[in-house]
Amino acid sequence: MKALVAVKRVVDANVKVRVKSDQSGVDIANVKMSMNSFDEIAVEEAVRLKEKGTVTEIVAVSCGPAKAEETLRTAMAMGADRGVLVEAEDLQPLAVAKVLKAIVDKEQPQLVIVGKQAIDGDNGQTGQMLAALLDWPQAVSASKVEVAGDKVKVTREIDGGKETLELALPAVLTADLQLNEPRHTKLPDIMKAKKKPLEKTKPADLGVDTASGLKVVKVSEPPARKEGVKVPDVATLVDKLRNEAKVI
């Protein structure tokens, strides 16, 4: 079984992002970049399936700038066998899904695993759109994955409990935080990853039109949180909640 995992290069989760002065986007100049945390979980799950003997090959794919090669090398250090870099800038979720479909058509994997969302845009759309374009079954926000033969059983957390789905392969899964704890890469694995094959291509080479109908009008920081106040009694608290906060 071949598994395909999509990974994205994003601002590191520990970095406080800054908005550009012209409010056209987030300033990433001289900012530490890392693999999207949900995508790390997706890679880890594919590697664990390979270690169990379920998956025989893992292909990591990234859509982004040339520097996204570093993200793919990280995925290969974790255990992916090879990488595919689709060089493109500022792709919207639908465009990414179209690119991934072209890669899937070429690679013919039986399982596609992506993070449930990217921590920069927080759209949470790519996996679902890809499944729709492929006309494959999907399970989003997976917290447990079990592959048996030509079926995959997925447990996902929902409001009020858990839901278990059984899908026929091929299928698309999106990884949630509860799925696993990604491994730390070791120096020997990082060195080996540098020698693993990495293919570079562009959307046009795949016959994909990435033109978007969406336009970012403005990016702004959230308003500063107002300072809290202390109240002398419950009556005053209720009054403020009703008349100032207007939540009751």
Protein backbone atom coordinates (compact mmCIF):
# COMPACT_ATOMS: atom_id res chain seq x y z
CA MET A 1 0.00 0.00 0.00
CA LYS A 2 1.25 3.46 -0.89
CA ALA A 3 0.41 6.41 1.37
CA LEU A 4 0.58 10.04 0.32
CA VAL A 5 0.96 12.74 2.98
CA ALA A 6 0.62 16.47 2.36
CA VAL A 7 2.77 18.83 4.43
CA LYS A 8 2.86 22.63 4.61
CA ARG A 9 5.58 25.10 5.56
CA VAL A 10 4.15 27.58 8.08
CA VAL A 11 5.35 30.04 10.71
CA ASP A 12 6.54 28.06 13.72
CA ALA A 13 3.81 27.59 16.32
CA ASN A 14 5.98 29.21 19.03
CA VAL A 15 6.50 32.44 17.07
CA LYS A 16 4.30 35.47 17.70
CA VAL A 17 3.23 36.57 14.23
CA ARG A 18 3.33 40.18 13.11
CA VAL A 19 1.03 41.82 10.59
CA LYS A 20 2.66 43.78 7.78
CA SER A 21 2.40 47.56 8.02
CA ASP A 22 0.22 47.69 4.88
CA GLN A 23 -2.08 44.97 6.32
CA SER A 24 -1.60 42.84 3.22
CA GLY A 25 -0.63 39.75 5.20
CA VAL A 26 1.62 38.30 7.88
CA ASP A 27 5.29 39.30 7.95
CA ILE A 28 7.42 36.15 7.59
CA ALA A 29 10.75 37.87 6.94
CA ASN A 30 13.44 36.39 9.21
CA VAL A 31 10.81 34.32 11.01
CA LYS A 32 11.34 30.69 11.98
CA MET A 33 9.33 28.36 9.76
CA SER A 34 8.36 24.76 10.49
CA MET A 35 6.11 21.96 9.31
CA ASN A 36 2.45 22.52 10.14
CA SER A 37 1.81 20.69 13.43
CA PHE A 38 -1.22 18.76 12.14
CA ASP A 39 0.82 17.64 9.13
CA GLU A 40 3.53 16.31 11.45
CA ILE A 41 0.85 14.11 12.99
CA ALA A 42 -0.22 12.95 9.52
CA VAL A 43 3.37 11.99 8.65
CA GLU A 44 3.80 10.21 11.96
CA GLU A 45 0.65 8.15 11.38
CA ALA A 46 1.81 7.11 7.92
CA VAL A 47 5.20 6.11 9.35
CA ARG A 48 3.54 4.06 12.10
CA LEU A 49 1.43 2.27 9.49
CA LYS A 50 4.62 1.51 7.58
CA GLU A 51 6.29 0.18 10.71
CA LYS A 52 3.30 -2.16 11.16
CA GLY A 53 3.80 -3.45 7.61
CA THR A 54 0.51 -1.98 6.39
CA VAL A 55 2.09 0.74 4.24
CA THR A 56 5.03 -0.03 1.95
CA GLU A 57 5.86 3.46 0.65
CA ILE A 58 5.24 7.00 1.90
CA VAL A 59 5.29 9.96 -0.49
CA ALA A 60 5.38 13.43 1.10
CA VAL A 61 4.01 16.32 -0.97
CA SER A 62 4.24 20.05 -0.35
CA CYS A 63 2.88 23.02 -2.30
CA GLY A 64 4.91 26.13 -1.59
CA PRO A 65 8.09 28.11 -2.21
CA ALA A 66 11.49 26.56 -2.90
CA LYS A 67 12.26 26.69 0.83
CA ALA A 68 9.47 24.17 1.41
CA GLU A 69 12.10 21.59 0.45
CA GLU A 70 13.26 21.86 4.07
CA THR A 71 9.78 20.81 5.21
CA LEU A 72 9.85 17.80 2.89
CA ARG A 73 13.31 16.83 4.17
CA THR A 74 11.87 16.91 7.69
CA ALA A 75 9.07 14.57 6.58
CA MET A 76 11.65 12.26 5.03
CA ALA A 77 13.73 12.36 8.20
CA MET A 78 10.61 11.22 10.08
CA GLY A 79 10.25 8.26 7.70
CA ALA A 80 8.78 9.32 4.35
CA ASP A 81 10.52 7.57 1.45
CA ARG A 82 10.55 10.43 -1.04
CA GLY A 83 9.16 13.88 -1.62
CA VAL A 84 7.40 15.94 -4.27
CA LEU A 85 7.64 19.73 -4.16
CA VAL A 86 5.10 21.68 -6.20
CA GLU A 87 6.60 25.14 -6.40
CA ALA A 88 3.86 27.74 -6.03
CA GLU A 89 3.07 30.76 -3.85
CA ASP A 90 -0.03 31.74 -1.87
CA LEU A 91 -2.31 28.92 -2.98
CA GLN A 92 -5.86 28.84 -1.64
CA PRO A 93 -7.26 25.51 -0.32
CA LEU A 94 -9.11 24.63 -3.53
CA ALA A 95 -5.97 25.19 -5.61
CA VAL A 96 -3.97 22.99 -3.22
CA ALA A 97 -6.65 20.30 -3.48
CA LYS A 98 -6.48 20.43 -7.28
CA VAL A 99 -2.69 20.10 -7.19
CA LEU A 100 -2.90 17.18 -4.77
CA LYS A 101 -5.48 15.48 -7.00
CA ALA A 102 -3.04 15.69 -9.91
CA ILE A 103 -0.33 14.14 -7.73
CA VAL A 104 -2.71 11.42 -6.55
CA ASP A 105 -3.68 10.63 -10.15
CA LYS A 106 0.01 10.24 -10.93
CA GLU A 107 1.13 8.34 -7.82
CA GLN A 108 -2.00 6.19 -7.32
CA PRO A 109 -1.80 5.90 -3.50
CA GLN A 110 -4.39 3.89 -1.60
CA LEU A 111 -4.39 6.25 1.37
CA VAL A 112 -4.03 10.04 1.60
CA ILE A 113 -3.44 11.61 5.01
CA VAL A 114 -3.37 15.38 5.57
CA GLY A 115 -3.52 17.57 8.65
CA LYS A 116 -7.05 18.65 9.52
CA GLN A 117 -6.01 22.31 9.12
CA ALA A 118 -3.00 24.56 8.73
CA ILE A 119 -2.17 26.76 11.71
CA ASP A 120 -1.69 29.82 9.50
CA GLY A 121 -4.96 30.01 7.55
CA ASP A 122 -6.99 27.68 9.82
CA ASN A 123 -9.28 26.92 6.88
CA GLY A 124 -9.60 23.16 7.41
CA GLN A 125 -10.82 22.64 3.84
CA THR A 126 -8.12 20.97 1.73
CA GLY A 127 -8.73 17.37 2.80
CA GLN A 128 -12.47 17.57 2.21
CA MET A 129 -12.05 19.28 -1.16
CA LEU A 130 -9.49 16.69 -2.25
CA ALA A 131 -11.84 13.84 -1.33
CA ALA A 132 -14.64 15.50 -3.31
CA LEU A 133 -12.42 15.98 -6.38
CA LEU A 134 -11.26 12.36 -6.20
CA ASP A 135 -14.76 11.07 -5.33
CA TRP A 136 -13.17 9.08 -2.49
CA PRO A 137 -14.61 8.41 0.97
CA GLN A 138 -13.24 10.65 3.70
CA ALA A 139 -12.91 10.80 7.48
CA VAL A 140 -11.95 14.12 9.03
CA SER A 141 -10.38 14.90 12.41
CA ALA A 142 -9.23 11.32 12.92
CA SER A 143 -8.10 10.43 16.45
CA LYS A 144 -7.48 6.72 15.73
CA VAL A 145 -6.78 4.86 12.48
CA GLU A 146 -6.87 1.09 11.90
CA VAL A 147 -6.25 -0.39 8.44
CA ALA A 148 -7.41 -3.95 7.73
CA GLY A 149 -7.28 -5.26 4.18
CA ASP A 150 -9.15 -2.93 1.86
CA LYS A 151 -10.91 -1.12 4.73
CA VAL A 152 -9.86 1.58 7.17
CA LYS A 153 -11.62 2.16 10.48
CA VAL A 154 -11.41 5.71 11.80
CA THR A 155 -12.42 7.02 15.21
CA ARG A 156 -13.13 10.74 15.45
CA GLU A 157 -14.23 12.93 18.32
CA ILE A 158 -17.54 14.72 17.89
CA ASP A 159 -19.72 16.83 20.17
CA GLY A 160 -20.82 14.60 23.01
CA GLY A 161 -18.68 11.56 22.26
CA LYS A 162 -16.82 9.61 19.60
CA GLU A 163 -17.81 8.37 16.17
CA THR A 164 -16.33 5.34 14.40
CA LEU A 165 -16.40 5.16 10.61
CA GLU A 166 -15.40 2.33 8.27
CA LEU A 167 -14.22 3.41 4.83
CA ALA A 168 -13.35 1.45 1.74
CA LEU A 169 -9.89 2.19 0.36
CA PRO A 170 -8.73 4.34 -1.34
CA ALA A 171 -9.67 7.09 1.10
CA VAL A 172 -8.70 10.50 2.42
CA LEU A 173 -8.10 11.10 6.13
CA THR A 174 -7.38 14.30 8.03
CA ALA A 175 -5.38 14.07 11.26
CA ASP A 176 -6.40 15.58 14.59
CA LEU A 177 -4.15 16.31 17.58
CA GLN A 178 -5.30 13.20 19.46
CA LEU A 179 -4.13 10.83 16.72
CA ASN A 180 -0.52 10.51 17.92
CA GLU A 181 2.59 12.24 19.24
CA PRO A 182 5.09 12.92 16.42
CA ARG A 183 8.60 11.57 16.95
CA HIS A 184 11.71 13.69 17.28
CA THR A 185 14.04 13.24 14.33
CA LYS A 186 17.56 12.00 15.03
CA LEU A 187 20.73 13.26 13.36
CA PRO A 188 21.34 10.03 11.38
CA ASP A 189 17.78 10.21 10.00
CA ILE A 190 18.27 13.87 9.05
CA MET A 191 21.46 12.97 7.17
CA LYS A 192 19.75 10.07 5.39
CA ALA A 193 16.84 12.34 4.40
CA LYS A 194 19.25 14.55 2.43
CA LYS A 195 19.91 11.63 0.08
CA LYS A 196 16.31 10.60 -0.43
CA PRO A 197 14.76 11.47 -3.84
CA LEU A 198 12.87 14.73 -4.13
CA GLU A 199 11.00 15.68 -7.30
CA LYS A 200 10.26 19.30 -8.14
CA THR A 201 7.44 20.40 -10.38
CA LYS A 202 5.00 23.26 -10.94
CA PRO A 203 1.18 23.41 -11.13
CA ALA A 204 1.36 24.16 -14.87
CA ASP A 205 3.40 20.99 -15.42
CA LEU A 206 0.58 19.07 -13.76
CA GLY A 207 -2.05 20.77 -15.90
CA VAL A 208 -3.56 22.55 -12.89
CA ASP A 209 -4.95 26.08 -12.97
CA THR A 210 -4.35 27.62 -9.54
CA ALA A 211 -6.08 30.93 -10.22
CA SER A 212 -8.20 31.90 -7.23
CA GLY A 213 -11.49 33.72 -6.99
CA LEU A 214 -10.61 34.83 -3.46
CA LYS A 215 -8.82 38.06 -2.58
CA VAL A 216 -7.39 39.05 0.79
CA VAL A 217 -8.77 42.50 1.52
CA LYS A 218 -7.04 43.15 4.83
CA VAL A 219 -5.18 41.34 7.59
CA SER A 220 -5.32 42.91 11.04
CA GLU A 221 -4.40 41.94 14.58
CA PRO A 222 -7.22 41.19 17.02
CA PRO A 223 -8.15 44.06 19.34
CA ALA A 224 -6.29 44.19 22.63
CA ARG A 225 -8.12 42.50 25.45
CA LYS A 226 -9.70 44.92 27.91
CA GLU A 227 -8.45 44.92 31.45
CA GLY A 228 -10.62 42.95 33.87
CA VAL A 229 -12.42 44.50 36.85
CA LYS A 230 -13.29 43.26 40.31
CA VAL A 231 -16.86 43.47 41.54
CA PRO A 232 -17.95 43.73 45.18
CA ASP A 233 -20.91 41.37 44.98
CA VAL A 234 -23.02 39.06 42.82
CA ALA A 235 -25.62 41.74 42.09
CA THR A 236 -22.99 43.98 40.51
CA LEU A 237 -21.61 41.05 38.50
CA VAL A 238 -25.07 40.23 37.13
CA ASP A 239 -25.66 43.88 36.29
CA LYS A 240 -22.40 44.12 34.32
CA LEU A 241 -23.06 40.84 32.49
CA ARG A 242 -26.54 42.03 31.53
CA ASN A 243 -25.94 45.69 30.72
CA GLU A 244 -22.28 45.91 29.68
CA ALA A 245 -21.30 42.50 28.34
CA LYS A 246 -24.89 41.79 27.26
CA VAL A 247 -24.42 38.04 27.62
CA ILE A 248 -27.48 37.45 29.81
